[in-house]
Protein backbone atom coordinates (compact mmCIF):
# COMPACT_ATOMS: atom_id res chain seq x y z
CA MET A 1 25.27 20.35 52.03
CA ASN A 2 24.38 23.66 50.62
CA LYS A 3 23.96 22.32 47.20
CA ASN A 4 21.48 19.38 47.37
CA PHE A 5 19.48 21.96 49.20
CA TRP A 6 19.08 23.83 46.50
CA ILE A 7 18.46 20.87 44.40
CA VAL A 8 16.04 19.64 46.54
CA LEU A 9 13.96 22.82 46.94
CA LEU A 10 14.46 23.17 43.01
CA LEU A 11 13.42 20.22 42.29
CA THR A 12 10.33 20.27 44.40
CA GLY A 13 9.13 23.25 42.91
CA PHE A 14 9.85 21.60 39.59
CA PHE A 15 7.40 19.01 40.50
CA ALA A 16 5.08 20.18 42.22
CA LEU A 17 1.87 20.48 39.30
CA PRO A 18 -1.00 20.39 40.78
CA GLY A 19 -3.65 19.21 38.92
CA PHE A 20 -6.43 22.53 38.34
CA GLY A 21 -9.16 20.17 40.39
CA GLN A 22 -12.17 22.08 39.98
CA ILE A 23 -11.87 26.08 39.36
CA PHE A 24 -16.14 25.98 41.31
CA ASP A 25 -17.48 23.70 43.37
CA ASP A 26 -20.28 23.58 41.61
CA GLU A 27 -18.31 23.50 38.46
CA PRO A 28 -16.31 21.02 37.69
CA VAL A 29 -13.83 21.64 35.35
CA SER A 30 -14.71 19.15 32.15
CA GLY A 31 -12.83 16.86 30.03
CA GLU A 32 -12.55 19.56 27.02
CA ALA A 33 -11.66 23.04 29.15
CA ARG A 34 -9.04 20.65 31.14
CA SER A 35 -7.84 19.20 28.08
CA LYS A 36 -7.75 23.01 26.03
CA ILE A 37 -5.41 23.92 29.46
CA GLN A 38 -3.02 21.68 29.19
CA ALA A 39 -2.89 21.83 25.49
CA ALA A 40 -1.83 25.40 26.27
CA ARG A 41 -0.20 24.64 29.04
CA VAL A 42 2.16 22.51 27.04
CA ALA A 43 2.57 25.26 24.10
CA TYR A 44 3.33 28.13 26.77
CA ILE A 45 5.62 26.40 28.62
CA THR A 46 7.43 25.24 25.01
CA ASP A 47 7.49 28.63 23.91
CA ARG A 48 9.57 29.97 26.93
CA LEU A 49 11.74 26.51 27.99
CA SER A 50 12.69 27.58 23.50
CA LEU A 51 12.61 23.61 23.64
CA THR A 52 13.26 22.40 20.16
CA PRO A 53 10.22 20.25 17.94
CA SER A 54 12.88 17.22 19.12
CA GLU A 55 13.33 18.12 22.56
CA SER A 56 9.95 19.16 23.12
CA GLU A 57 8.48 15.92 21.95
CA ARG A 58 11.14 13.61 24.45
CA PHE A 59 10.16 16.25 26.95
CA TRP A 60 6.63 15.71 27.30
CA ALA A 61 6.73 12.65 27.04
CA LEU A 62 8.65 12.12 29.76
CA HIS A 63 6.85 14.51 32.24
CA ASN A 64 3.61 12.28 31.14
CA GLU A 65 5.82 9.18 32.67
CA PHE A 66 6.85 11.11 35.52
CA GLU A 67 3.42 12.82 36.70
CA ALA A 68 2.07 8.84 36.14
CA GLU A 69 4.51 7.76 37.98
CA ARG A 70 3.79 11.11 41.06
CA ASP A 71 -0.08 10.42 40.50
CA LYS A 72 0.10 6.21 41.66
CA ILE A 73 2.76 7.28 44.84
CA ARG A 74 -0.22 10.30 46.07
CA GLN A 75 -3.16 7.55 45.73
CA LYS A 76 -1.19 4.49 47.22
CA TYR A 77 -0.50 7.08 49.95
CA ARG A 78 -4.45 8.81 49.58
CA ALA A 79 -6.77 9.42 53.33
CA PRO A 80 -8.88 6.40 53.13
CA ARG A 81 -11.06 9.28 55.48
CA ALA A 82 -11.38 13.34 56.18
CA VAL A 83 -8.60 14.08 58.70
CA GLU A 84 -10.67 15.89 61.09
CA SER A 85 -12.71 13.09 61.76
CA MET A 86 -9.62 11.17 62.87
CA SER A 87 -8.37 10.20 66.54
CA ASP A 88 -4.67 11.32 67.59
CA GLN A 89 -3.79 7.77 66.59
CA GLU A 90 -4.95 7.36 63.11
CA ALA A 91 -4.30 11.46 61.67
CA GLU A 92 -0.33 10.23 63.72
CA ALA A 93 -0.61 6.87 61.41
CA PHE A 94 -1.28 8.74 58.24
CA ILE A 95 1.31 11.80 58.77
CA SER A 96 3.85 9.16 59.33
CA ARG A 97 2.37 7.66 56.14
CA ARG A 98 2.73 11.35 54.34
CA PHE A 99 6.40 11.06 54.65
CA ASP A 100 7.13 8.26 53.94
CA MET A 101 4.95 9.33 50.50
CA GLU A 102 7.44 12.74 50.62
CA GLN A 103 10.29 10.50 50.54
CA GLU A 104 9.07 8.15 48.01
CA LEU A 105 7.51 11.35 45.17
CA LEU A 106 11.03 12.23 46.49
CA ALA A 107 12.97 9.96 44.78
CA LEU A 108 11.50 9.82 42.39
CA LYS A 109 11.68 13.16 41.05
CA ARG A 110 16.08 12.88 41.79
CA ASP A 111 15.26 10.00 39.04
CA TYR A 112 13.27 11.67 36.83
CA PHE A 113 15.62 14.74 37.58
CA GLN A 114 18.22 12.76 36.48
CA GLN A 115 16.37 11.68 33.13
CA PHE A 116 15.77 14.98 32.38
CA LYS A 117 18.80 15.82 32.25
CA LYS A 118 19.69 13.55 29.08
CA VAL A 119 17.29 15.40 27.55
CA VAL A 120 16.83 19.34 28.00
CA SER A 121 19.81 21.09 30.09
CA PRO A 122 19.66 22.09 33.84
CA ARG A 123 18.51 25.37 32.92
CA LYS A 124 15.80 24.45 30.91
CA ILE A 125 14.82 21.66 33.69
CA ALA A 126 15.02 25.00 36.81
CA LEU A 127 12.90 27.44 33.70
CA PHE A 128 9.95 24.98 33.92
CA ASN A 129 9.08 25.80 37.28
CA LYS A 130 8.82 29.04 36.52
CA ALA A 131 7.44 28.68 33.59
CA ASP A 132 4.90 26.38 34.75
CA LYS A 133 3.77 28.69 37.69
CA GLU A 134 3.44 31.90 35.50
CA PHE A 135 1.03 30.10 33.28
CA ARG A 136 -0.90 28.95 36.27
CA LEU A 137 -0.72 32.43 37.73
CA GLU A 138 -2.47 33.34 34.06
CA ILE A 139 -5.03 30.51 34.33
CA LEU A 140 -5.74 31.75 38.17
CA LYS A 141 -6.44 35.88 37.18
CA ARG A 142 -8.67 34.54 33.93
CA ILE A 143 -10.52 32.30 35.79
CA GLN A 144 -10.85 35.93 39.08
CA GLU A 145 -11.96 37.84 35.67
CA ARG A 146 -14.60 35.84 34.82
CA ARG A 147 -16.11 34.92 38.20
CA PRO A 148 -20.16 36.39 38.39
CA ASN A 149 -19.92 40.00 40.42
CA ASN A 150 -22.24 38.11 43.46
CA TYR A 151 -18.63 36.55 44.39
CA PRO A 152 -15.81 39.10 43.83
CA ASN A 153 -13.45 37.92 46.53
CA ARG A 154 -13.95 34.13 46.47
CA ARG A 155 -11.08 31.72 45.69
CA PRO A 156 -11.91 28.95 43.11
CA ASN A 157 -13.25 25.63 46.03
CA ASP A 158 -13.56 28.69 49.49
CA LYS A 159 -17.07 27.17 50.41
CA PHE A 160 -17.00 29.25 53.57
CA ARG A 161 -16.39 32.59 51.56
CA ASN A 162 -19.42 34.84 49.65
């Protein structure tokens, strides 16, 4: 049980790769900027994991396949409207569907973990999460450094703070 808990926790962190979305509400990330960020992410993580060219090619192909499958599942369970405007009954159904989505995502993560083990070592799979988190924190740090002075405490997508 304890071992399974840690594996699930590790995999959840490993595959929790949120998109970068928007830097500011008024300034969506362009396709070109998103591509540059993704290329920098791939280079950074490839270096941190010390992936060989062969491992890198297979790892990122499999990772992209995983992300596409994950996005399909998330899209399938997307809320039809804002949670704030749901009745209690609709909210309960929405929460139930979210549980279904989480189970489907967990099954996907377990399946892909087995596939990733054929490409790289479990140690490198575990290091992926740490490297990805470091990269995301560096991106956020750079975003904060570029903020105009009139929004010193504003977080990305924070509509109510100035």
